[in-house]
Amino acid sequence: MSKTQPLITATATPVAPPTAPVTIAPAAPQPVLNAIPMPLCWGLVLVSAAILIIEIWNYIS
């Protein structure tokens, strides 16, 4: 059986990874999601849950 070469070889001098310049992005405007009123969101959840229950009820009966 012959010897195999190691998979990882260490370099003699350490190599520093290249660094990229860091730029700070300006503050982003508020997402559209925050503009939707919370009661409207809960109303949509309630309506979709009611439709799901009606669909399950029709499937069972």
PDB file of N, CA and C in Angstrom:
ATOM      1  N   MET A   1       0.845  -1.176   0.000  1.00  0.00           N
ATOM      2  CA  MET A   1       0.000   0.000   0.000  1.00  0.00           C
ATOM      3  C   MET A   1       0.892   1.241   0.000  1.00  0.00           C
ATOM      4  N   SER A   2       0.640   2.189  -0.912  1.00  0.00           N
ATOM      5  CA  SER A   2       1.499   3.366  -1.003  1.00  0.00           C
ATOM      6  C   SER A   2       0.947   4.496  -0.148  1.00  0.00           C
ATOM      7  N   LYS A   3       1.844   5.380   0.242  1.00  0.00           N
ATOM      8  CA  LYS A   3       1.438   6.530   1.050  1.00  0.00           C
ATOM      9  C   LYS A   3       0.777   7.569   0.153  1.00  0.00           C
ATOM     10  N   THR A   4      -0.204   8.266   0.712  1.00  0.00           N
ATOM     11  CA  THR A   4      -0.877   9.330  -0.037  1.00  0.00           C
ATOM     12  C   THR A   4      -0.434  10.676   0.497  1.00  0.00           C
ATOM     13  N   GLN A   5      -0.580  11.692  -0.308  1.00  0.00           N
ATOM     14  CA  GLN A   5      -0.215  13.031   0.127  1.00  0.00           C
ATOM     15  C   GLN A   5      -1.321  13.589   1.017  1.00  0.00           C
ATOM     16  N   PRO A   6      -0.955  14.435   1.979  1.00  0.00           N
ATOM     17  CA  PRO A   6      -1.987  15.021   2.832  1.00  0.00           C
ATOM     18  C   PRO A   6      -2.893  15.952   2.026  1.00  0.00           C
ATOM     19  N   LEU A   7      -4.156  16.037   2.425  1.00  0.00           N
ATOM     20  CA  LEU A   7      -5.112  16.873   1.712  1.00  0.00           C
ATOM     21  C   LEU A   7      -4.865  18.352   1.951  1.00  0.00           C
ATOM     22  N   ILE A   8      -4.436  18.706   3.159  1.00  0.00           N
ATOM     23  CA  ILE A   8      -4.216  20.104   3.505  1.00  0.00           C
ATOM     24  C   ILE A   8      -2.720  20.325   3.674  1.00  0.00           C
ATOM     25  N   THR A   9      -2.204  21.312   2.980  1.00  0.00           N
ATOM     26  CA  THR A   9      -0.794  21.647   3.140  1.00  0.00           C
ATOM     27  C   THR A   9      -0.696  23.042   3.740  1.00  0.00           C
ATOM     28  N   ALA A  10       0.172  23.203   4.716  1.00  0.00           N
ATOM     29  CA  ALA A  10       0.359  24.495   5.370  1.00  0.00           C
ATOM     30  C   ALA A  10       1.358  25.319   4.568  1.00  0.00           C
ATOM     31  N   THR A  11       1.077  26.603   4.412  1.00  0.00           N
ATOM     32  CA  THR A  11       2.003  27.477   3.699  1.00  0.00           C
ATOM     33  C   THR A  11       3.077  27.970   4.664  1.00  0.00           C
ATOM     34  N   ALA A  12       4.205  28.346   4.115  1.00  0.00           N
ATOM     35  CA  ALA A  12       5.311  28.802   4.951  1.00  0.00           C
ATOM     36  C   ALA A  12       5.018  30.180   5.539  1.00  0.00           C
ATOM     37  N   THR A  13       4.392  31.056   4.771  1.00  0.00           N
ATOM     38  CA  THR A  13       4.071  32.391   5.272  1.00  0.00           C
ATOM     39  C   THR A  13       2.557  32.528   5.365  1.00  0.00           C
ATOM     40  N   PRO A  14       2.074  33.131   6.440  1.00  0.00           N
ATOM     41  CA  PRO A  14       0.617  33.285   6.554  1.00  0.00           C
ATOM     42  C   PRO A  14       0.098  34.282   5.512  1.00  0.00           C
ATOM     43  N   VAL A  15      -1.040  33.969   4.951  1.00  0.00           N
ATOM     44  CA  VAL A  15      -1.644  34.809   3.917  1.00  0.00           C
ATOM     45  C   VAL A  15      -2.853  35.501   4.522  1.00  0.00           C
ATOM     46  N   ALA A  16      -2.850  36.840   4.477  1.00  0.00           N
ATOM     47  CA  ALA A  16      -3.980  37.602   5.006  1.00  0.00           C
ATOM     48  C   ALA A  16      -5.073  37.676   3.944  1.00  0.00           C
ATOM     49  N   PRO A  17      -6.324  37.471   4.347  1.00  0.00           N
ATOM     50  CA  PRO A  17      -7.405  37.561   3.358  1.00  0.00           C
ATOM     51  C   PRO A  17      -7.579  39.005   2.893  1.00  0.00           C
ATOM     52  N   PRO A  18      -7.981  39.197   1.671  1.00  0.00           N
ATOM     53  CA  PRO A  18      -8.175  40.573   1.186  1.00  0.00           C
ATOM     54  C   PRO A  18      -9.347  41.227   1.912  1.00  0.00           C
ATOM     55  N   THR A  19      -9.197  42.502   2.209  1.00  0.00           N
ATOM     56  CA  THR A  19     -10.265  43.219   2.898  1.00  0.00           C
ATOM     57  C   THR A  19     -10.943  44.163   1.923  1.00  0.00           C
ATOM     58  N   ALA A  20     -12.244  44.235   2.034  1.00  0.00           N
ATOM     59  CA  ALA A  20     -13.027  45.120   1.177  1.00  0.00           C
ATOM     60  C   ALA A  20     -13.386  46.370   1.963  1.00  0.00           C
ATOM     61  N   PRO A  21     -13.494  47.504   1.303  1.00  0.00           N
ATOM     62  CA  PRO A  21     -13.896  48.716   2.024  1.00  0.00           C
ATOM     63  C   PRO A  21     -15.337  48.587   2.512  1.00  0.00           C
ATOM     64  N   VAL A  22     -15.563  49.058   3.712  1.00  0.00           N
ATOM     65  CA  VAL A  22     -16.889  48.964   4.317  1.00  0.00           C
ATOM     66  C   VAL A  22     -17.584  50.305   4.160  1.00  0.00           C
ATOM     67  N   THR A  23     -18.754  50.274   3.551  1.00  0.00           N
ATOM     68  CA  THR A  23     -19.555  51.490   3.425  1.00  0.00           C
ATOM     69  C   THR A  23     -20.859  51.287   4.171  1.00  0.00           C
ATOM     70  N   ILE A  24     -21.293  52.313   4.853  1.00  0.00           N
ATOM     71  CA  ILE A  24     -22.523  52.237   5.626  1.00  0.00           C
ATOM     72  C   ILE A  24     -23.661  52.753   4.760  1.00  0.00           C
ATOM     73  N   ALA A  25     -24.698  51.933   4.644  1.00  0.00           N
ATOM     74  CA  ALA A  25     -25.847  52.312   3.827  1.00  0.00           C
ATOM     75  C   ALA A  25     -26.701  53.325   4.579  1.00  0.00           C
ATOM     76  N   PRO A  26     -27.348  54.221   3.862  1.00  0.00           N
ATOM     77  CA  PRO A  26     -28.241  55.170   4.534  1.00  0.00           C
ATOM     78  C   PRO A  26     -29.450  54.448   5.115  1.00  0.00           C
ATOM     79  N   ALA A  27     -30.085  55.081   6.073  1.00  0.00           N
ATOM     80  CA  ALA A  27     -31.240  54.473   6.724  1.00  0.00           C
ATOM     81  C   ALA A  27     -32.337  54.225   5.696  1.00  0.00           C
ATOM     82  N   ALA A  28     -32.832  52.994   5.692  1.00  0.00           N
ATOM     83  CA  ALA A  28     -33.863  52.621   4.731  1.00  0.00           C
ATOM     84  C   ALA A  28     -35.223  53.135   5.205  1.00  0.00           C
ATOM     85  N   PRO A  29     -36.092  53.481   4.278  1.00  0.00           N
ATOM     86  CA  PRO A  29     -37.436  53.895   4.683  1.00  0.00           C
ATOM     87  C   PRO A  29     -38.201  52.716   5.279  1.00  0.00           C
ATOM     88  N   GLN A  30     -39.252  53.023   6.024  1.00  0.00           N
ATOM     89  CA  GLN A  30     -40.023  51.961   6.663  1.00  0.00           C
ATOM     90  C   GLN A  30     -40.647  51.065   5.604  1.00  0.00           C
ATOM     91  N   PRO A  31     -40.646  49.765   5.857  1.00  0.00           N
ATOM     92  CA  PRO A  31     -41.264  48.849   4.897  1.00  0.00           C
ATOM     93  C   PRO A  31     -42.770  49.095   4.796  1.00  0.00           C
ATOM     94  N   VAL A  32     -43.330  48.649   3.688  1.00  0.00           N
ATOM     95  CA  VAL A  32     -44.763  48.820   3.459  1.00  0.00           C
ATOM     96  C   VAL A  32     -45.557  48.011   4.474  1.00  0.00           C
ATOM     97  N   LEU A  33     -44.967  46.924   4.974  1.00  0.00           N
ATOM     98  CA  LEU A  33     -45.673  46.065   5.921  1.00  0.00           C
ATOM     99  C   LEU A  33     -46.055  46.825   7.182  1.00  0.00           C
ATOM    100  N   ASN A  34     -45.228  47.751   7.622  1.00  0.00           N
ATOM    101  CA  ASN A  34     -45.544  48.519   8.821  1.00  0.00           C
ATOM    102  C   ASN A  34     -46.644  49.538   8.569  1.00  0.00           C
ATOM    103  N   ALA A  35     -46.936  49.832   7.310  1.00  0.00           N
ATOM    104  CA  ALA A  35     -47.977  50.802   6.993  1.00  0.00           C
ATOM    105  C   ALA A  35     -49.374  50.184   7.055  1.00  0.00           C
ATOM    106  N   ILE A  36     -49.468  48.847   7.049  1.00  0.00           N
ATOM    107  CA  ILE A  36     -50.769  48.171   7.099  1.00  0.00           C
ATOM    108  C   ILE A  36     -51.242  48.149   8.551  1.00  0.00           C
ATOM    109  N   PRO A  37     -52.475  48.582   8.826  1.00  0.00           N
ATOM    110  CA  PRO A  37     -52.975  48.583  10.202  1.00  0.00           C
ATOM    111  C   PRO A  37     -53.086  47.161  10.755  1.00  0.00           C
ATOM    112  N   MET A  38     -52.756  47.013  12.034  1.00  0.00           N
ATOM    113  CA  MET A  38     -52.779  45.700  12.668  1.00  0.00           C
ATOM    114  C   MET A  38     -54.187  45.098  12.719  1.00  0.00           C
ATOM    115  N   PRO A  39     -55.250  45.869  13.003  1.00  0.00           N
ATOM    116  CA  PRO A  39     -56.588  45.257  12.991  1.00  0.00           C
ATOM    117  C   PRO A  39     -56.957  44.652  11.635  1.00  0.00           C
ATOM    118  N   LEU A  40     -56.495  45.264  10.549  1.00  0.00           N
ATOM    119  CA  LEU A  40     -56.763  44.699   9.228  1.00  0.00           C
ATOM    120  C   LEU A  40     -56.073  43.345   9.070  1.00  0.00           C
ATOM    121  N   CYS A  41     -54.854  43.232   9.560  1.00  0.00           N
ATOM    122  CA  CYS A  41     -54.126  41.953   9.482  1.00  0.00           C
ATOM    123  C   CYS A  41     -54.855  40.869  10.266  1.00  0.00           C
ATOM    124  N   TRP A  42     -55.271  41.201  11.489  1.00  0.00           N
ATOM    125  CA  TRP A  42     -55.987  40.218  12.303  1.00  0.00           C
ATOM    126  C   TRP A  42     -57.333  39.869  11.678  1.00  0.00           C
ATOM    127  N   GLY A  43     -57.977  40.829  11.040  1.00  0.00           N
ATOM    128  CA  GLY A  43     -59.232  40.544  10.353  1.00  0.00           C
ATOM    129  C   GLY A  43     -59.033  39.558   9.216  1.00  0.00           C
ATOM    130  N   LEU A  44     -57.950  39.722   8.460  1.00  0.00           N
ATOM    131  CA  LEU A  44     -57.656  38.784   7.374  1.00  0.00           C
ATOM    132  C   LEU A  44     -57.350  37.387   7.909  1.00  0.00           C
ATOM    133  N   VAL A  45     -56.662  37.319   9.036  1.00  0.00           N
ATOM    134  CA  VAL A  45     -56.381  36.014   9.653  1.00  0.00           C
ATOM    135  C   VAL A  45     -57.686  35.362  10.090  1.00  0.00           C
ATOM    136  N   LEU A  46     -58.582  36.147  10.685  1.00  0.00           N
ATOM    137  CA  LEU A  46     -59.866  35.620  11.149  1.00  0.00           C
ATOM    138  C   LEU A  46     -60.704  35.116   9.978  1.00  0.00           C
ATOM    139  N   VAL A  47     -60.751  35.876   8.896  1.00  0.00           N
ATOM    140  CA  VAL A  47     -61.533  35.464   7.726  1.00  0.00           C
ATOM    141  C   VAL A  47     -60.954  34.193   7.115  1.00  0.00           C
ATOM    142  N   SER A  48     -59.639  34.102   6.998  1.00  0.00           N
ATOM    143  CA  SER A  48     -59.035  32.909   6.402  1.00  0.00           C
ATOM    144  C   SER A  48     -59.221  31.688   7.299  1.00  0.00           C
ATOM    145  N   ALA A  49     -59.183  31.879   8.625  1.00  0.00           N
ATOM    146  CA  ALA A  49     -59.428  30.758   9.537  1.00  0.00           C
ATOM    147  C   ALA A  49     -60.876  30.292   9.425  1.00  0.00           C
ATOM    148  N   ALA A  50     -61.808  31.235   9.296  1.00  0.00           N
ATOM    149  CA  ALA A  50     -63.216  30.861   9.149  1.00  0.00           C
ATOM    150  C   ALA A  50     -63.436  30.095   7.850  1.00  0.00           C
ATOM    151  N   ILE A  51     -62.804  30.530   6.768  1.00  0.00           N
ATOM    152  CA  ILE A  51     -62.934  29.825   5.488  1.00  0.00           C
ATOM    153  C   ILE A  51     -62.342  28.424   5.595  1.00  0.00           C
ATOM    154  N   LEU A  52     -61.222  28.291   6.279  1.00  0.00           N
ATOM    155  CA  LEU A  52     -60.608  26.972   6.457  1.00  0.00           C
ATOM    156  C   LEU A  52     -61.527  26.050   7.246  1.00  0.00           C
ATOM    157  N   ILE A  53     -62.141  26.558   8.303  1.00  0.00           N
ATOM    158  CA  ILE A  53     -63.051  25.738   9.109  1.00  0.00           C
ATOM    159  C   ILE A  53     -64.258  25.320   8.274  1.00  0.00           C
ATOM    160  N   ILE A  54     -64.786  26.229   7.457  1.00  0.00           N
ATOM    161  CA  ILE A  54     -65.923  25.881   6.594  1.00  0.00           C
ATOM    162  C   ILE A  54     -65.522  24.818   5.580  1.00  0.00           C
ATOM    163  N   GLU A  55     -64.332  24.933   5.009  1.00  0.00           N
ATOM    164  CA  GLU A  55     -63.856  23.930   4.049  1.00  0.00           C
ATOM    165  C   GLU A  55     -63.703  22.561   4.710  1.00  0.00           C
ATOM    166  N   ILE A  56     -63.156  22.532   5.909  1.00  0.00           N
ATOM    167  CA  ILE A  56     -63.004  21.254   6.627  1.00  0.00           C
ATOM    168  C   ILE A  56     -64.370  20.683   6.971  1.00  0.00           C
ATOM    169  N   TRP A  57     -65.295  21.538   7.383  1.00  0.00           N
ATOM    170  CA  TRP A  57     -66.647  21.090   7.738  1.00  0.00           C
ATOM    171  C   TRP A  57     -67.336  20.477   6.509  1.00  0.00           C
ATOM    172  N   ASN A  58     -67.178  21.112   5.349  1.00  0.00           N
ATOM    173  CA  ASN A  58     -67.781  20.574   4.126  1.00  0.00           C
ATOM    174  C   ASN A  58     -67.119  19.265   3.709  1.00  0.00           C
ATOM    175  N   TYR A  59     -65.833  19.121   3.961  1.00  0.00           N
ATOM    176  CA  TYR A  59     -65.135  17.886   3.608  1.00  0.00           C
ATOM    177  C   TYR A  59     -65.610  16.728   4.483  1.00  0.00           C
ATOM    178  N   ILE A  60     -65.815  17.012   5.774  1.00  0.00           N
ATOM    179  CA  ILE A  60     -66.226  15.956   6.706  1.00  0.00           C
ATOM    180  C   ILE A  60     -67.663  15.526   6.431  1.00  0.00           C
ATOM    181  N   SER A  61     -68.550  16.475   6.189  1.00  0.00           N
ATOM    182  CA  SER A  61     -69.971  16.126   6.028  1.00  0.00           C
ATOM    183  C   SER A  61     -70.350  15.797   4.608  1.00  0.00           C
TER     184      SER A  61
END
